[in-house]
Amino acid sequence: MYIIAIGWLFCALMFAVGSNSIVAAVFTFLFWGPLPLALFIYLFSGRIRRERAAAREREDDKAG
């Protein structure tokens, strides 16, 4: 999953470098780079979060 994220950020950076102005480059990078990437990582890491929560709950049941 992280190779996809790195590739996405690289492409967003290249789009930003090709922009006409600094302001356009910053907004291009922000709206095509980290913001959609954060959504992607949040959505696709849901299974991992659920598994960790279940493991924590099992551990609490053993301890308590």
C-alpha atoms as a PDB file:
ATOM      1  CA  MET A   1       0.000   0.000   0.000  1.00  0.00           C
ATOM      2  CA  TYR A   2       2.855   2.383   0.765  1.00  0.00           C
ATOM      3  CA  ILE A   3       4.380   2.046  -2.710  1.00  0.00           C
ATOM      4  CA  ILE A   4       1.104   3.356  -4.117  1.00  0.00           C
ATOM      5  CA  ALA A   5       1.251   6.294  -1.717  1.00  0.00           C
ATOM      6  CA  ILE A   6       4.825   7.123  -2.662  1.00  0.00           C
ATOM      7  CA  GLY A   7       4.003   6.928  -6.370  1.00  0.00           C
ATOM      8  CA  TRP A   8       0.933   9.120  -5.912  1.00  0.00           C
ATOM      9  CA  LEU A   9       2.930  11.779  -4.069  1.00  0.00           C
ATOM     10  CA  PHE A  10       5.617  11.699  -6.761  1.00  0.00           C
ATOM     11  CA  CYS A  11       3.023  12.250  -9.506  1.00  0.00           C
ATOM     12  CA  ALA A  12       1.373  15.058  -7.539  1.00  0.00           C
ATOM     13  CA  LEU A  13       4.767  16.685  -7.044  1.00  0.00           C
ATOM     14  CA  MET A  14       5.520  16.476 -10.776  1.00  0.00           C
ATOM     15  CA  PHE A  15       2.158  18.082 -11.582  1.00  0.00           C
ATOM     16  CA  ALA A  16       2.948  20.852  -9.099  1.00  0.00           C
ATOM     17  CA  VAL A  17       6.394  21.447 -10.596  1.00  0.00           C
ATOM     18  CA  GLY A  18       4.781  21.887 -14.002  1.00  0.00           C
ATOM     19  CA  SER A  19       2.375  24.564 -12.770  1.00  0.00           C
ATOM     20  CA  ASN A  20       2.581  28.163 -13.949  1.00  0.00           C
ATOM     21  CA  SER A  21       2.920  29.857 -10.557  1.00  0.00           C
ATOM     22  CA  ILE A  22       4.005  29.110  -7.014  1.00  0.00           C
ATOM     23  CA  VAL A  23       0.474  29.467  -5.642  1.00  0.00           C
ATOM     24  CA  ALA A  24      -0.897  27.098  -8.269  1.00  0.00           C
ATOM     25  CA  ALA A  25       1.893  24.659  -7.502  1.00  0.00           C
ATOM     26  CA  VAL A  26       1.155  24.685  -3.768  1.00  0.00           C
ATOM     27  CA  PHE A  27      -2.576  24.196  -4.262  1.00  0.00           C
ATOM     28  CA  THR A  28      -2.014  21.552  -6.908  1.00  0.00           C
ATOM     29  CA  PHE A  29       0.264  19.602  -4.613  1.00  0.00           C
ATOM     30  CA  LEU A  30      -2.042  19.931  -1.590  1.00  0.00           C
ATOM     31  CA  PHE A  31      -5.271  19.027  -3.376  1.00  0.00           C
ATOM     32  CA  TRP A  32      -3.763  16.267  -5.510  1.00  0.00           C
ATOM     33  CA  GLY A  33      -1.196  14.997  -2.994  1.00  0.00           C
ATOM     34  CA  PRO A  34      -1.561  14.663   0.772  1.00  0.00           C
ATOM     35  CA  LEU A  35      -5.294  15.336   1.097  1.00  0.00           C
ATOM     36  CA  PRO A  36      -6.548  12.542  -1.191  1.00  0.00           C
ATOM     37  CA  LEU A  37      -3.711  10.329  -0.011  1.00  0.00           C
ATOM     38  CA  ALA A  38      -4.815  10.696   3.612  1.00  0.00           C
ATOM     39  CA  LEU A  39      -8.320   9.643   2.600  1.00  0.00           C
ATOM     40  CA  PHE A  40      -6.943   6.655   0.682  1.00  0.00           C
ATOM     41  CA  ILE A  41      -4.818   5.481   3.601  1.00  0.00           C
ATOM     42  CA  TYR A  42      -7.685   5.942   6.069  1.00  0.00           C
ATOM     43  CA  LEU A  43     -10.112   3.951   3.918  1.00  0.00           C
ATOM     44  CA  PHE A  44      -7.748   1.122   3.071  1.00  0.00           C
ATOM     45  CA  SER A  45      -6.327   0.703   6.565  1.00  0.00           C
ATOM     46  CA  GLY A  46      -9.731   0.044   8.136  1.00  0.00           C
ATOM     47  CA  ARG A  47      -9.171  -3.706   8.294  1.00  0.00           C
ATOM     48  CA  ILE A  48      -5.892  -3.209  10.144  1.00  0.00           C
ATOM     49  CA  ARG A  49      -7.552  -0.845  12.658  1.00  0.00           C
ATOM     50  CA  ARG A  50     -10.345  -3.368  13.284  1.00  0.00           C
ATOM     51  CA  GLU A  51      -7.848  -6.210  13.796  1.00  0.00           C
ATOM     52  CA  ARG A  52      -5.823  -4.145  16.275  1.00  0.00           C
ATOM     53  CA  ALA A  53      -8.957  -3.179  18.205  1.00  0.00           C
ATOM     54  CA  ALA A  54     -10.055  -6.827  18.371  1.00  0.00           C
ATOM     55  CA  ALA A  55      -6.587  -7.872  19.573  1.00  0.00           C
ATOM     56  CA  ARG A  56      -6.655  -5.172  22.237  1.00  0.00           C
ATOM     57  CA  GLU A  57     -10.086  -6.339  23.357  1.00  0.00           C
ATOM     58  CA  ARG A  58      -8.942  -9.967  23.554  1.00  0.00           C
ATOM     59  CA  GLU A  59      -5.916  -8.870  25.562  1.00  0.00           C
ATOM     60  CA  ASP A  60      -8.105  -6.884  27.954  1.00  0.00           C
ATOM     61  CA  ASP A  61     -10.402  -9.902  28.395  1.00  0.00           C
ATOM     62  CA  LYS A  62      -7.414 -12.103  29.300  1.00  0.00           C
ATOM     63  CA  ALA A  63      -6.062  -9.548  31.769  1.00  0.00           C
ATOM     64  CA  GLY A  64      -9.409  -8.724  33.375  1.00  0.00           C
END
